[in-house]
């Protein structure tokens, strides 16, 4: 397994998105799975990520593919 160095100046959602993409690439999640399924994998960290997703107007019923499709995490 190759460890990737992630720049500390990346938006936290970029890092999260990359982690979720890795889970999809590893067939742990499917693009059609709902975002709430990520909670099963993130345990105690989920409350933070759920709040972040909701701040970007995601619903826990949205598919993972919607999260992966975001190209920019700019905050208004």
N, C-alpha and C. Protein backbone atom coordinates (compact mmCIF):
# COMPACT_ATOMS: atom_id res chain seq x y z
N UNK A 1 0.84 -1.18 0.00
CA UNK A 1 0.00 0.00 0.00
C UNK A 1 0.89 1.25 0.00
N UNK A 2 0.52 2.20 -0.82
CA UNK A 2 1.29 3.43 -0.94
C UNK A 2 0.62 4.51 -0.10
N UNK A 3 1.39 5.14 0.77
CA UNK A 3 0.87 6.25 1.56
C UNK A 3 1.03 7.53 0.75
N UNK A 4 -0.05 8.24 0.61
CA UNK A 4 -0.01 9.51 -0.11
C UNK A 4 0.16 10.64 0.88
N UNK A 5 1.01 11.56 0.54
CA UNK A 5 1.18 12.75 1.36
C UNK A 5 0.11 13.74 0.92
N UNK A 6 -0.70 14.18 1.87
CA UNK A 6 -1.77 15.11 1.58
C UNK A 6 -1.39 16.46 2.15
N UNK A 7 -1.44 17.46 1.31
CA UNK A 7 -1.08 18.81 1.71
C UNK A 7 -1.99 19.30 2.84
N UNK A 8 -1.40 19.86 3.89
CA UNK A 8 -2.22 20.33 5.01
C UNK A 8 -3.11 21.52 4.65
N UNK A 9 -2.84 22.19 3.53
CA UNK A 9 -3.66 23.34 3.17
C UNK A 9 -4.88 22.96 2.34
N UNK A 10 -5.09 21.68 2.08
CA UNK A 10 -6.28 21.24 1.38
C UNK A 10 -7.50 21.38 2.28
N UNK A 11 -8.62 21.72 1.69
CA UNK A 11 -9.87 21.81 2.44
C UNK A 11 -10.17 20.43 3.04
N UNK A 12 -10.65 20.37 4.28
CA UNK A 12 -10.95 19.08 4.90
C UNK A 12 -11.89 18.21 4.06
N UNK A 13 -12.81 18.85 3.33
CA UNK A 13 -13.74 18.07 2.51
C UNK A 13 -13.02 17.42 1.32
N UNK A 14 -11.95 18.02 0.83
CA UNK A 14 -11.16 17.40 -0.24
C UNK A 14 -10.54 16.11 0.29
N UNK A 15 -10.00 16.18 1.49
CA UNK A 15 -9.40 14.99 2.11
C UNK A 15 -10.46 13.91 2.32
N UNK A 16 -11.61 14.31 2.85
CA UNK A 16 -12.71 13.37 3.08
C UNK A 16 -13.17 12.74 1.77
N UNK A 17 -13.32 13.57 0.75
CA UNK A 17 -13.75 13.10 -0.57
C UNK A 17 -12.76 12.06 -1.10
N UNK A 18 -11.48 12.31 -0.93
CA UNK A 18 -10.46 11.36 -1.39
C UNK A 18 -10.56 10.04 -0.62
N UNK A 19 -10.82 10.13 0.68
CA UNK A 19 -10.97 8.91 1.48
C UNK A 19 -12.18 8.10 1.01
N UNK A 20 -13.28 8.79 0.74
CA UNK A 20 -14.49 8.11 0.27
C UNK A 20 -14.25 7.51 -1.10
N UNK A 21 -13.55 8.23 -1.97
CA UNK A 21 -13.24 7.70 -3.30
C UNK A 21 -12.41 6.42 -3.18
N UNK A 22 -11.48 6.41 -2.25
CA UNK A 22 -10.67 5.21 -2.00
C UNK A 22 -11.55 4.05 -1.56
N UNK A 23 -12.56 4.33 -0.74
CA UNK A 23 -13.48 3.28 -0.31
C UNK A 23 -14.30 2.75 -1.48
N UNK A 24 -14.67 3.63 -2.39
CA UNK A 24 -15.40 3.20 -3.60
C UNK A 24 -14.48 2.38 -4.50
N UNK A 25 -13.25 2.88 -4.69
CA UNK A 25 -12.29 2.16 -5.53
C UNK A 25 -11.98 0.77 -4.98
N UNK A 26 -12.06 0.63 -3.66
CA UNK A 26 -11.79 -0.66 -3.01
C UNK A 26 -13.04 -1.53 -2.89
N UNK A 27 -14.14 -1.08 -3.45
CA UNK A 27 -15.42 -1.79 -3.41
C UNK A 27 -15.99 -1.94 -2.00
N UNK A 28 -15.58 -1.06 -1.08
CA UNK A 28 -16.17 -1.05 0.25
C UNK A 28 -17.51 -0.32 0.18
N UNK A 29 -17.57 0.71 -0.64
CA UNK A 29 -18.80 1.46 -0.92
C UNK A 29 -19.06 1.43 -2.41
N UNK A 30 -20.32 1.62 -2.77
CA UNK A 30 -20.70 1.76 -4.18
C UNK A 30 -21.11 3.20 -4.41
N UNK A 31 -20.91 3.72 -5.61
CA UNK A 31 -21.35 5.10 -5.89
C UNK A 31 -22.84 5.31 -5.63
N UNK A 32 -23.63 4.25 -5.75
CA UNK A 32 -25.07 4.37 -5.55
C UNK A 32 -25.48 4.26 -4.08
N UNK A 33 -24.55 3.88 -3.19
CA UNK A 33 -24.85 3.82 -1.76
C UNK A 33 -25.19 5.21 -1.25
N UNK A 34 -26.03 5.27 -0.24
CA UNK A 34 -26.39 6.55 0.37
C UNK A 34 -25.29 7.00 1.33
N UNK A 35 -25.19 8.30 1.50
CA UNK A 35 -24.13 8.86 2.34
C UNK A 35 -24.17 8.34 3.78
N UNK A 36 -25.34 7.99 4.29
CA UNK A 36 -25.42 7.51 5.67
C UNK A 36 -24.59 6.25 5.88
N UNK A 37 -24.33 5.49 4.83
CA UNK A 37 -23.54 4.27 4.98
C UNK A 37 -22.10 4.56 5.40
N UNK A 38 -21.64 5.76 5.12
CA UNK A 38 -20.29 6.14 5.53
C UNK A 38 -20.20 6.13 7.05
N UNK A 39 -21.29 6.41 7.73
CA UNK A 39 -21.31 6.43 9.19
C UNK A 39 -20.85 5.10 9.77
N UNK A 40 -21.18 4.02 9.10
CA UNK A 40 -20.79 2.69 9.58
C UNK A 40 -19.28 2.51 9.58
N UNK A 41 -18.59 3.27 8.75
CA UNK A 41 -17.14 3.14 8.62
C UNK A 41 -16.37 4.18 9.43
N UNK A 42 -17.01 5.29 9.76
CA UNK A 42 -16.32 6.38 10.42
C UNK A 42 -16.55 6.47 11.92
N UNK A 43 -17.46 5.71 12.44
CA UNK A 43 -17.67 5.65 13.89
C UNK A 43 -17.78 7.01 14.54
N UNK A 44 -16.91 7.26 15.52
CA UNK A 44 -16.96 8.50 16.32
C UNK A 44 -16.72 9.76 15.50
N UNK A 45 -16.04 9.64 14.38
CA UNK A 45 -15.77 10.80 13.53
C UNK A 45 -16.99 11.21 12.70
N UNK A 46 -18.00 10.35 12.63
CA UNK A 46 -19.11 10.59 11.74
C UNK A 46 -19.88 11.87 12.07
N UNK A 47 -20.07 12.18 13.33
CA UNK A 47 -20.83 13.38 13.70
C UNK A 47 -20.22 14.62 13.05
N UNK A 48 -18.90 14.70 13.05
CA UNK A 48 -18.21 15.83 12.41
C UNK A 48 -18.48 15.86 10.91
N UNK A 49 -18.28 14.72 10.25
CA UNK A 49 -18.43 14.67 8.79
C UNK A 49 -19.88 14.86 8.37
N UNK A 50 -20.81 14.36 9.15
CA UNK A 50 -22.22 14.56 8.84
C UNK A 50 -22.55 16.05 8.86
N UNK A 51 -22.07 16.75 9.88
CA UNK A 51 -22.28 18.19 9.99
C UNK A 51 -21.67 18.92 8.79
N UNK A 52 -20.45 18.53 8.42
CA UNK A 52 -19.79 19.15 7.28
C UNK A 52 -20.60 18.93 6.00
N UNK A 53 -21.06 17.71 5.78
CA UNK A 53 -21.86 17.41 4.59
C UNK A 53 -23.15 18.23 4.58
N UNK A 54 -23.80 18.30 5.72
CA UNK A 54 -25.05 19.07 5.79
C UNK A 54 -24.79 20.56 5.55
N UNK A 55 -23.63 21.05 5.99
CA UNK A 55 -23.27 22.45 5.72
C UNK A 55 -23.15 22.72 4.23
N UNK A 56 -22.85 21.69 3.47
CA UNK A 56 -22.76 21.82 2.01
C UNK A 56 -24.04 21.32 1.33
N UNK A 57 -25.12 21.29 2.09
CA UNK A 57 -26.46 20.96 1.60
C UNK A 57 -26.62 19.52 1.12
N UNK A 58 -25.84 18.61 1.66
CA UNK A 58 -26.03 17.20 1.36
C UNK A 58 -27.06 16.64 2.33
N UNK A 59 -27.82 15.68 1.85
CA UNK A 59 -28.73 14.91 2.67
C UNK A 59 -28.10 13.54 2.86
N UNK A 60 -28.37 12.90 3.96
CA UNK A 60 -27.80 11.57 4.19
C UNK A 60 -28.38 10.53 3.25
N UNK A 61 -29.43 10.91 2.51
CA UNK A 61 -30.02 10.02 1.51
C UNK A 61 -29.42 10.22 0.12
N UNK A 62 -28.56 11.22 -0.03
CA UNK A 62 -27.90 11.44 -1.32
C UNK A 62 -26.92 10.30 -1.60
N UNK A 63 -26.74 9.97 -2.87
CA UNK A 63 -25.77 8.92 -3.20
C UNK A 63 -24.33 9.39 -3.03
N UNK A 64 -23.46 8.47 -2.73
CA UNK A 64 -22.03 8.74 -2.60
C UNK A 64 -21.50 9.40 -3.87
N UNK A 65 -22.05 9.03 -5.02
CA UNK A 65 -21.61 9.60 -6.30
C UNK A 65 -21.74 11.12 -6.30
N UNK A 66 -22.75 11.67 -5.62
CA UNK A 66 -22.92 13.12 -5.57
C UNK A 66 -21.76 13.78 -4.83
N UNK A 67 -21.30 13.15 -3.77
CA UNK A 67 -20.15 13.65 -3.03
C UNK A 67 -18.90 13.62 -3.90
N UNK A 68 -18.72 12.52 -4.62
CA UNK A 68 -17.54 12.37 -5.46
C UNK A 68 -17.54 13.32 -6.66
N UNK A 69 -18.71 13.79 -7.04
CA UNK A 69 -18.83 14.66 -8.22
C UNK A 69 -18.45 16.12 -7.93
N UNK A 70 -18.34 16.49 -6.67
CA UNK A 70 -18.01 17.88 -6.32
C UNK A 70 -16.60 18.20 -6.80
N UNK A 71 -16.48 19.30 -7.54
CA UNK A 71 -15.19 19.70 -8.08
C UNK A 71 -14.50 20.76 -7.25
N UNK A 72 -15.27 21.50 -6.46
CA UNK A 72 -14.68 22.57 -5.65
C UNK A 72 -15.44 22.67 -4.35
N UNK A 73 -14.71 22.81 -3.26
CA UNK A 73 -15.31 22.91 -1.93
C UNK A 73 -15.21 24.34 -1.40
N UNK A 74 -15.36 25.31 -2.29
CA UNK A 74 -15.31 26.70 -1.86
C UNK A 74 -16.49 27.00 -0.96
N UNK A 75 -16.21 27.73 0.11
CA UNK A 75 -17.26 28.13 1.02
C UNK A 75 -17.62 29.57 0.73
N UNK A 76 -18.90 29.83 0.67
CA UNK A 76 -19.38 31.19 0.40
C UNK A 76 -19.42 32.01 1.64
